Amino acid sequence: MNKKVIQNTHITPRLLNTDELMAYSGLGRNRSVELGDKIGARVQVGRRVLWDRMKLDEYFNSLTGVK
């Protein structure tokens, strides 16, 4: 049996759940969901609702002028 061992690897998730979206944006639940929907960051996987971090970053960058 060959087993792959991954050690000390940290992967930043591309998709965030709603609680992570709230922490990432610094907004409450309603405003976070409203913002995510407005900018098209919502990703539906089965019954789960996730939020695309890259779309959030693009939006926040456009607000602050970061390239």
Protein backbone atom coordinates (compact mmCIF):
# COMPACT_ATOMS: atom_id res chain seq x y z
CA MET A 1 0.00 0.00 0.00
CA ASN A 2 1.35 3.36 -0.98
CA LYS A 3 0.25 6.20 1.24
CA LYS A 4 0.87 9.85 0.52
CA VAL A 5 1.84 11.86 3.55
CA ILE A 6 1.39 15.61 3.52
CA GLN A 7 3.22 17.40 6.27
CA ASN A 8 3.12 21.02 7.35
CA THR A 9 1.06 22.11 4.39
CA HIS A 10 -1.27 25.06 4.74
CA ILE A 11 -3.74 25.66 1.96
CA THR A 12 -5.76 28.87 1.86
CA PRO A 13 -9.27 27.91 0.78
CA ARG A 14 -10.70 29.64 -2.27
CA LEU A 15 -14.29 29.12 -1.12
CA LEU A 16 -15.44 30.39 2.26
CA ASN A 17 -18.50 29.43 4.25
CA THR A 18 -20.75 32.20 5.54
CA ASP A 19 -19.05 32.43 8.94
CA GLU A 20 -15.67 32.74 7.22
CA LEU A 21 -17.13 35.35 4.87
CA MET A 22 -18.26 37.36 7.88
CA ALA A 23 -14.80 37.18 9.47
CA TYR A 24 -13.06 37.96 6.16
CA SER A 25 -15.22 41.00 5.38
CA GLY A 26 -15.67 42.26 8.93
CA LEU A 27 -19.41 42.53 8.32
CA GLY A 28 -22.41 40.92 9.99
CA ARG A 29 -24.25 37.97 8.49
CA ASN A 30 -26.93 39.90 6.57
CA ARG A 31 -24.54 42.48 5.10
CA SER A 32 -21.96 39.79 4.21
CA VAL A 33 -24.52 37.71 2.34
CA GLU A 34 -25.94 40.82 0.66
CA LEU A 35 -22.46 41.88 -0.47
CA GLY A 36 -21.54 38.39 -1.67
CA ASP A 37 -24.73 38.16 -3.72
CA LYS A 38 -24.28 41.68 -5.12
CA ILE A 39 -20.76 40.99 -6.45
CA GLY A 40 -21.52 37.48 -7.71
CA ALA A 41 -19.34 35.63 -5.21
CA ARG A 42 -22.00 33.03 -4.28
CA VAL A 43 -21.17 29.44 -5.25
CA GLN A 44 -23.81 26.76 -4.69
CA VAL A 45 -22.41 23.25 -4.14
CA GLY A 46 -25.35 20.96 -3.55
CA ARG A 47 -27.18 22.52 -0.63
CA ARG A 48 -24.13 24.41 0.63
CA VAL A 49 -23.63 28.09 -0.05
CA LEU A 50 -19.98 29.11 -0.32
CA TRP A 51 -18.32 32.40 -1.25
CA ASP A 52 -15.50 32.91 -3.75
CA ARG A 53 -12.64 34.65 -1.96
CA MET A 54 -11.04 35.80 -5.24
CA LYS A 55 -14.19 37.69 -6.26
CA LEU A 56 -14.28 39.27 -2.81
CA ASP A 57 -10.65 40.32 -3.20
CA GLU A 58 -11.32 41.82 -6.63
CA TYR A 59 -14.20 43.83 -5.23
CA PHE A 60 -12.27 45.07 -2.19
CA ASN A 61 -9.27 45.93 -4.39
CA SER A 62 -11.52 48.02 -6.65
CA LEU A 63 -12.74 49.95 -3.59
CA THR A 64 -9.25 50.68 -2.31
CA GLY A 65 -7.44 51.10 -5.62
CA VAL A 66 -5.06 48.19 -4.99
CA LYS A 67 -3.83 46.51 -8.19
